[in-house]
Amino acid sequence: MKKLRRTGLAALVVSASLGLAVTPARADQAVRVDAVGDATAFVYDIFTGEGSVADAAGETGADIVRVWFSFTRHHLVVVGRVRHLDPRARAAVGIGAGGHRYDAQSTRDGGVRVLVKGSLSRCVGGSARTVRRTQSYRFVIPVDCFGSPPEARFGFGVARALAAPEDQAAVVFDDAHRDGARKLPDQFRLGATIKRG
């Protein structure tokens, strides 16, 4: 019995040291472990419409480590951990439900606004904040803000504007479901379908 316990403990230590994600047993939750050091820098020329992409492996403020999604009866809770919280970075949650795409963004006052079909509206009862202790972003989004679907797909992204010449725009970004992106996505990827709890 002691040997069995020791073996189980050894397996737990090995899996933890390798950074393996433990997938929740519940259907209304999901965990995504993102590759570390896969942030991407994108520079866009405003006049020509041309852009270039480069690895930004040294970037820590826009480098996602792990994301936890919990889709309950009344709320979607998303906790996205980054290597280092950067006050200049912004996080967003992507939601695919009922044939629509919703993008939830934090507001300066700690609320949430949702973009759907080109229209941006405040999500009543939503909240977004940073948690310094865990280097995380935490979103709580009422399901009414995205149509109260029985199931949905979710994504998480972080971006930060970079200093650039007047005729260019530059950003460094990471997408939890896209490791080592080689182009700037118009929308970040969504994960597998999660059923509402």
C-alpha atoms as a PDB file:
ATOM      1  CA  MET A   1       0.000   0.000   0.000  1.00  0.00           C
ATOM      2  CA  LYS A   2       2.861   2.368   0.881  1.00  0.00           C
ATOM      3  CA  LYS A   3       4.547   1.596  -2.438  1.00  0.00           C
ATOM      4  CA  LEU A   4       1.310   2.340  -4.327  1.00  0.00           C
ATOM      5  CA  ARG A   5       0.954   5.690  -2.544  1.00  0.00           C
ATOM      6  CA  ARG A   6       4.582   6.541  -3.290  1.00  0.00           C
ATOM      7  CA  THR A   7       4.085   5.676  -6.968  1.00  0.00           C
ATOM      8  CA  GLY A   8       0.960   7.859  -7.153  1.00  0.00           C
ATOM      9  CA  LEU A   9       2.785  10.726  -5.484  1.00  0.00           C
ATOM     10  CA  ALA A  10       5.740  10.328  -7.861  1.00  0.00           C
ATOM     11  CA  ALA A  11       3.391  10.431 -10.864  1.00  0.00           C
ATOM     12  CA  LEU A  12       1.757  13.596  -9.519  1.00  0.00           C
ATOM     13  CA  VAL A  13       5.134  15.282  -8.973  1.00  0.00           C
ATOM     14  CA  VAL A  14       6.376  14.297 -12.445  1.00  0.00           C
ATOM     15  CA  SER A  15       3.211  15.545 -14.174  1.00  0.00           C
ATOM     16  CA  ALA A  16       3.317  18.808 -12.218  1.00  0.00           C
ATOM     17  CA  SER A  17       6.981  19.338 -13.025  1.00  0.00           C
ATOM     18  CA  LEU A  18       6.310  18.794 -16.722  1.00  0.00           C
ATOM     19  CA  GLY A  19       3.547  21.401 -16.614  1.00  0.00           C
ATOM     20  CA  LEU A  20       0.859  19.011 -17.796  1.00  0.00           C
ATOM     21  CA  ALA A  21      -2.686  20.321 -17.549  1.00  0.00           C
ATOM     22  CA  VAL A  22      -5.196  18.371 -15.555  1.00  0.00           C
ATOM     23  CA  THR A  23      -8.442  18.453 -17.496  1.00  0.00           C
ATOM     24  CA  PRO A  24     -11.469  19.034 -15.263  1.00  0.00           C
ATOM     25  CA  ALA A  25     -13.926  16.167 -14.977  1.00  0.00           C
ATOM     26  CA  ARG A  26     -16.903  18.502 -15.371  1.00  0.00           C
ATOM     27  CA  ALA A  27     -18.399  19.227 -18.792  1.00  0.00           C
ATOM     28  CA  ASP A  28     -18.933  22.918 -17.946  1.00  0.00           C
ATOM     29  CA  GLN A  29     -15.210  23.648 -17.470  1.00  0.00           C
ATOM     30  CA  ALA A  30     -12.086  23.626 -19.597  1.00  0.00           C
ATOM     31  CA  VAL A  31      -8.411  24.380 -19.079  1.00  0.00           C
ATOM     32  CA  ARG A  32      -6.020  25.460 -21.803  1.00  0.00           C
ATOM     33  CA  VAL A  33      -2.270  25.448 -21.175  1.00  0.00           C
ATOM     34  CA  ASP A  34      -0.564  27.708 -23.703  1.00  0.00           C
ATOM     35  CA  ALA A  35       3.013  27.460 -24.929  1.00  0.00           C
ATOM     36  CA  VAL A  36       5.329  29.814 -23.057  1.00  0.00           C
ATOM     37  CA  GLY A  37       7.324  32.284 -25.133  1.00  0.00           C
ATOM     38  CA  ASP A  38       4.998  32.240 -28.156  1.00  0.00           C
ATOM     39  CA  ALA A  39       3.914  35.898 -28.152  1.00  0.00           C
ATOM     40  CA  THR A  40       4.026  37.497 -31.602  1.00  0.00           C
ATOM     41  CA  ALA A  41       4.842  41.067 -32.658  1.00  0.00           C
ATOM     42  CA  PHE A  42       2.972  42.551 -35.614  1.00  0.00           C
ATOM     43  CA  VAL A  43       3.916  45.797 -37.380  1.00  0.00           C
ATOM     44  CA  TYR A  44       1.395  47.251 -39.835  1.00  0.00           C
ATOM     45  CA  ASP A  45       2.033  50.052 -42.336  1.00  0.00           C
ATOM     46  CA  ILE A  46      -1.021  52.323 -42.242  1.00  0.00           C
ATOM     47  CA  PHE A  47      -0.549  53.679 -45.775  1.00  0.00           C
ATOM     48  CA  THR A  48       0.359  50.539 -47.717  1.00  0.00           C
ATOM     49  CA  GLY A  49      -1.676  48.027 -45.709  1.00  0.00           C
ATOM     50  CA  GLU A  50       1.367  45.732 -45.517  1.00  0.00           C
ATOM     51  CA  GLY A  51       2.391  44.034 -42.322  1.00  0.00           C
ATOM     52  CA  SER A  52       5.177  41.928 -40.916  1.00  0.00           C
ATOM     53  CA  VAL A  53       5.239  39.378 -38.120  1.00  0.00           C
ATOM     54  CA  ALA A  54       8.085  38.469 -35.781  1.00  0.00           C
ATOM     55  CA  ASP A  55       8.490  36.254 -32.748  1.00  0.00           C
ATOM     56  CA  ALA A  56       8.408  38.132 -29.442  1.00  0.00           C
ATOM     57  CA  ALA A  57       9.681  35.343 -27.199  1.00  0.00           C
ATOM     58  CA  GLY A  58      11.065  37.827 -24.658  1.00  0.00           C
ATOM     59  CA  GLU A  59       7.621  39.381 -24.156  1.00  0.00           C
ATOM     60  CA  THR A  60       6.153  38.482 -20.756  1.00  0.00           C
ATOM     61  CA  GLY A  61       3.181  40.856 -20.377  1.00  0.00           C
ATOM     62  CA  ALA A  62       1.320  39.487 -23.391  1.00  0.00           C
ATOM     63  CA  ASP A  63       2.388  35.850 -23.038  1.00  0.00           C
ATOM     64  CA  ILE A  64      -0.446  33.593 -21.878  1.00  0.00           C
ATOM     65  CA  VAL A  65       0.484  30.641 -19.679  1.00  0.00           C
ATOM     66  CA  ARG A  66      -2.851  29.036 -18.759  1.00  0.00           C
ATOM     67  CA  VAL A  67      -6.568  29.786 -19.103  1.00  0.00           C
ATOM     68  CA  TRP A  68      -9.467  28.320 -17.127  1.00  0.00           C
ATOM     69  CA  PHE A  69     -13.041  28.591 -18.464  1.00  0.00           C
ATOM     70  CA  SER A  70     -16.091  27.834 -16.290  1.00  0.00           C
ATOM     71  CA  PHE A  71     -19.494  28.026 -18.005  1.00  0.00           C
ATOM     72  CA  THR A  72     -22.133  27.955 -15.258  1.00  0.00           C
ATOM     73  CA  ARG A  73     -25.866  28.481 -15.293  1.00  0.00           C
ATOM     74  CA  HIS A  74     -25.603  32.251 -14.853  1.00  0.00           C
ATOM     75  CA  HIS A  75     -22.024  33.260 -15.734  1.00  0.00           C
ATOM     76  CA  LEU A  76     -18.964  32.551 -17.794  1.00  0.00           C
ATOM     77  CA  VAL A  77     -15.865  32.895 -15.610  1.00  0.00           C
ATOM     78  CA  VAL A  78     -12.500  33.121 -17.357  1.00  0.00           C
ATOM     79  CA  VAL A  79      -9.170  33.302 -15.551  1.00  0.00           C
ATOM     80  CA  GLY A  80      -6.219  33.868 -17.875  1.00  0.00           C
ATOM     81  CA  ARG A  81      -2.735  33.733 -16.388  1.00  0.00           C
ATOM     82  CA  VAL A  82       0.189  35.487 -18.078  1.00  0.00           C
ATOM     83  CA  ARG A  83       3.918  35.364 -17.341  1.00  0.00           C
ATOM     84  CA  HIS A  84       3.840  38.906 -15.975  1.00  0.00           C
ATOM     85  CA  LEU A  85       0.941  41.362 -15.637  1.00  0.00           C
ATOM     86  CA  ASP A  86       1.635  44.499 -17.655  1.00  0.00           C
ATOM     87  CA  PRO A  87      -0.677  47.487 -17.016  1.00  0.00           C
ATOM     88  CA  ARG A  88      -0.337  48.459 -20.702  1.00  0.00           C
ATOM     89  CA  ALA A  89      -1.705  45.115 -21.927  1.00  0.00           C
ATOM     90  CA  ARG A  90      -5.388  44.416 -22.557  1.00  0.00           C
ATOM     91  CA  ALA A  91      -7.137  41.061 -22.367  1.00  0.00           C
ATOM     92  CA  ALA A  92     -10.265  39.897 -24.184  1.00  0.00           C
ATOM     93  CA  VAL A  93     -12.529  36.846 -24.222  1.00  0.00           C
ATOM     94  CA  GLY A  94     -13.895  35.434 -27.479  1.00  0.00           C
ATOM     95  CA  ILE A  95     -17.249  33.635 -27.444  1.00  0.00           C
ATOM     96  CA  GLY A  96     -18.849  31.612 -30.225  1.00  0.00           C
ATOM     97  CA  ALA A  97     -22.510  30.798 -29.570  1.00  0.00           C
ATOM     98  CA  GLY A  98     -25.700  30.428 -31.577  1.00  0.00           C
ATOM     99  CA  GLY A  99     -23.954  31.189 -34.861  1.00  0.00           C
ATOM    100  CA  HIS A 100     -22.616  34.521 -33.546  1.00  0.00           C
ATOM    101  CA  ARG A 101     -19.200  35.745 -32.491  1.00  0.00           C
ATOM    102  CA  TYR A 102     -18.960  37.858 -29.331  1.00  0.00           C
ATOM    103  CA  ASP A 103     -15.800  39.567 -28.094  1.00  0.00           C
ATOM    104  CA  ALA A 104     -15.777  40.685 -24.456  1.00  0.00           C
ATOM    105  CA  GLN A 105     -13.333  43.405 -23.431  1.00  0.00           C
ATOM    106  CA  SER A 106     -12.548  44.982 -20.088  1.00  0.00           C
ATOM    107  CA  THR A 107     -13.390  48.627 -19.430  1.00  0.00           C
ATOM    108  CA  ARG A 108     -11.294  51.061 -17.392  1.00  0.00           C
ATOM    109  CA  ASP A 109     -13.822  50.990 -14.537  1.00  0.00           C
ATOM    110  CA  GLY A 110     -13.670  47.185 -14.173  1.00  0.00           C
ATOM    111  CA  GLY A 111     -16.745  46.418 -16.256  1.00  0.00           C
ATOM    112  CA  VAL A 112     -17.142  44.430 -19.456  1.00  0.00           C
ATOM    113  CA  ARG A 113     -18.326  45.496 -22.890  1.00  0.00           C
ATOM    114  CA  VAL A 114     -19.287  43.036 -25.616  1.00  0.00           C
ATOM    115  CA  LEU A 115     -18.798  43.467 -29.354  1.00  0.00           C
ATOM    116  CA  VAL A 116     -21.254  41.555 -31.541  1.00  0.00           C
ATOM    117  CA  LYS A 117     -22.088  42.206 -35.204  1.00  0.00           C
ATOM    118  CA  GLY A 118     -20.033  45.414 -35.152  1.00  0.00           C
ATOM    119  CA  SER A 119     -21.942  46.866 -32.204  1.00  0.00           C
ATOM    120  CA  LEU A 120     -20.299  47.469 -28.834  1.00  0.00           C
ATOM    121  CA  SER A 121     -22.475  47.463 -25.715  1.00  0.00           C
ATOM    122  CA  ARG A 122     -21.892  47.363 -21.975  1.00  0.00           C
ATOM    123  CA  CYS A 123     -22.484  43.990 -20.330  1.00  0.00           C
ATOM    124  CA  VAL A 124     -24.604  44.690 -17.238  1.00  0.00           C
ATOM    125  CA  GLY A 125     -23.301  42.738 -14.245  1.00  0.00           C
ATOM    126  CA  GLY A 126     -20.020  41.823 -15.940  1.00  0.00           C
ATOM    127  CA  SER A 127     -16.654  42.442 -14.336  1.00  0.00           C
ATOM    128  CA  ALA A 128     -13.017  42.260 -15.356  1.00  0.00           C
ATOM    129  CA  ARG A 129     -10.004  42.736 -13.134  1.00  0.00           C
ATOM    130  CA  THR A 130      -6.389  41.796 -12.690  1.00  0.00           C
ATOM    131  CA  VAL A 131      -5.171  39.581  -9.857  1.00  0.00           C
ATOM    132  CA  ARG A 132      -1.558  40.495  -9.100  1.00  0.00           C
ATOM    133  CA  ARG A 133      -0.979  37.587  -6.710  1.00  0.00           C
ATOM    134  CA  THR A 134      -1.555  35.068  -9.523  1.00  0.00           C
ATOM    135  CA  GLN A 135      -0.523  37.276 -12.495  1.00  0.00           C
ATOM    136  CA  SER A 136      -4.008  36.762 -13.964  1.00  0.00           C
ATOM    137  CA  TYR A 137      -6.924  38.454 -15.671  1.00  0.00           C
ATOM    138  CA  ARG A 138     -10.355  37.470 -14.317  1.00  0.00           C
ATOM    139  CA  PHE A 139     -13.563  37.988 -16.312  1.00  0.00           C
ATOM    140  CA  VAL A 140     -17.072  37.291 -15.009  1.00  0.00           C
ATOM    141  CA  ILE A 141     -19.577  37.598 -17.855  1.00  0.00           C
ATOM    142  CA  PRO A 142     -23.318  37.015 -17.334  1.00  0.00           C
ATOM    143  CA  VAL A 143     -24.670  34.554 -19.918  1.00  0.00           C
ATOM    144  CA  ASP A 144     -27.372  37.105 -20.831  1.00  0.00           C
ATOM    145  CA  CYS A 145     -24.607  39.198 -22.443  1.00  0.00           C
ATOM    146  CA  PHE A 146     -24.115  36.530 -25.121  1.00  0.00           C
ATOM    147  CA  GLY A 147     -27.581  35.061 -25.628  1.00  0.00           C
ATOM    148  CA  SER A 148     -27.748  32.453 -22.801  1.00  0.00           C
ATOM    149  CA  PRO A 149     -26.760  29.516 -25.052  1.00  0.00           C
ATOM    150  CA  PRO A 150     -26.801  25.905 -23.782  1.00  0.00           C
ATOM    151  CA  GLU A 151     -23.260  25.462 -25.139  1.00  0.00           C
ATOM    152  CA  ALA A 152     -20.525  27.681 -26.544  1.00  0.00           C
ATOM    153  CA  ARG A 153     -16.868  27.895 -27.558  1.00  0.00           C
ATOM    154  CA  PHE A 154     -14.435  30.242 -25.854  1.00  0.00           C
ATOM    155  CA  GLY A 155     -11.056  31.845 -26.451  1.00  0.00           C
ATOM    156  CA  PHE A 156      -8.744  34.257 -24.669  1.00  0.00           C
ATOM    157  CA  GLY A 157      -6.210  36.760 -25.960  1.00  0.00           C
ATOM    158  CA  VAL A 158      -3.871  39.439 -24.621  1.00  0.00           C
ATOM    159  CA  ALA A 159      -2.370  42.338 -26.604  1.00  0.00           C
ATOM    160  CA  ARG A 160      -0.229  45.389 -25.966  1.00  0.00           C
ATOM    161  CA  ALA A 161       0.484  48.310 -28.284  1.00  0.00           C
ATOM    162  CA  LEU A 162       4.138  48.959 -29.074  1.00  0.00           C
ATOM    163  CA  ALA A 163       5.880  52.232 -29.856  1.00  0.00           C
ATOM    164  CA  ALA A 164       5.968  52.694 -33.632  1.00  0.00           C
ATOM    165  CA  PRO A 165       6.637  55.424 -36.200  1.00  0.00           C
ATOM    166  CA  GLU A 166       3.719  57.705 -37.089  1.00  0.00           C
ATOM    167  CA  ASP A 167       2.878  55.786 -40.274  1.00  0.00           C
ATOM    168  CA  GLN A 168       2.777  52.391 -38.544  1.00  0.00           C
ATOM    169  CA  ALA A 169       0.838  50.527 -35.902  1.00  0.00           C
ATOM    170  CA  ALA A 170       2.553  47.852 -33.839  1.00  0.00           C
ATOM    171  CA  VAL A 171       1.227  45.329 -31.358  1.00  0.00           C
ATOM    172  CA  VAL A 172       2.477  42.285 -29.496  1.00  0.00           C
ATOM    173  CA  PHE A 173      -0.153  39.618 -28.838  1.00  0.00           C
ATOM    174  CA  ASP A 174      -0.818  36.059 -27.716  1.00  0.00           C
ATOM    175  CA  ASP A 175      -3.786  33.811 -28.329  1.00  0.00           C
ATOM    176  CA  ALA A 176      -4.436  30.932 -25.900  1.00  0.00           C
ATOM    177  CA  HIS A 177      -5.514  28.571 -28.702  1.00  0.00           C
ATOM    178  CA  ARG A 178      -2.849  29.463 -31.272  1.00  0.00           C
ATOM    179  CA  ASP A 179       0.778  28.592 -30.540  1.00  0.00           C
ATOM    180  CA  GLY A 180       3.356  30.622 -32.452  1.00  0.00           C
ATOM    181  CA  ALA A 181       1.003  32.536 -34.768  1.00  0.00           C
ATOM    182  CA  ARG A 182       2.718  33.705 -37.944  1.00  0.00           C
ATOM    183  CA  LYS A 183       0.122  36.295 -38.902  1.00  0.00           C
ATOM    184  CA  LEU A 184      -2.121  38.706 -37.070  1.00  0.00           C
ATOM    185  CA  PRO A 185      -5.504  37.008 -36.755  1.00  0.00           C
ATOM    186  CA  ASP A 186      -8.615  39.126 -37.270  1.00  0.00           C
ATOM    187  CA  GLN A 187     -10.092  37.147 -34.378  1.00  0.00           C
ATOM    188  CA  PHE A 188      -8.396  34.810 -31.967  1.00  0.00           C
ATOM    189  CA  ARG A 189      -9.245  31.120 -32.024  1.00  0.00           C
ATOM    190  CA  LEU A 190     -11.927  29.455 -29.956  1.00  0.00           C
ATOM    191  CA  GLY A 191     -11.549  26.137 -28.153  1.00  0.00           C
ATOM    192  CA  ALA A 192     -13.804  23.089 -28.112  1.00  0.00           C
ATOM    193  CA  THR A 193     -17.498  23.354 -27.254  1.00  0.00           C
ATOM    194  CA  ILE A 194     -18.334  23.538 -23.543  1.00  0.00           C
ATOM    195  CA  LYS A 195     -21.811  22.728 -22.237  1.00  0.00           C
ATOM    196  CA  ARG A 196     -23.388  25.073 -19.732  1.00  0.00           C
ATOM    197  CA  GLY A 197     -23.568  23.749 -16.153  1.00  0.00           C
END
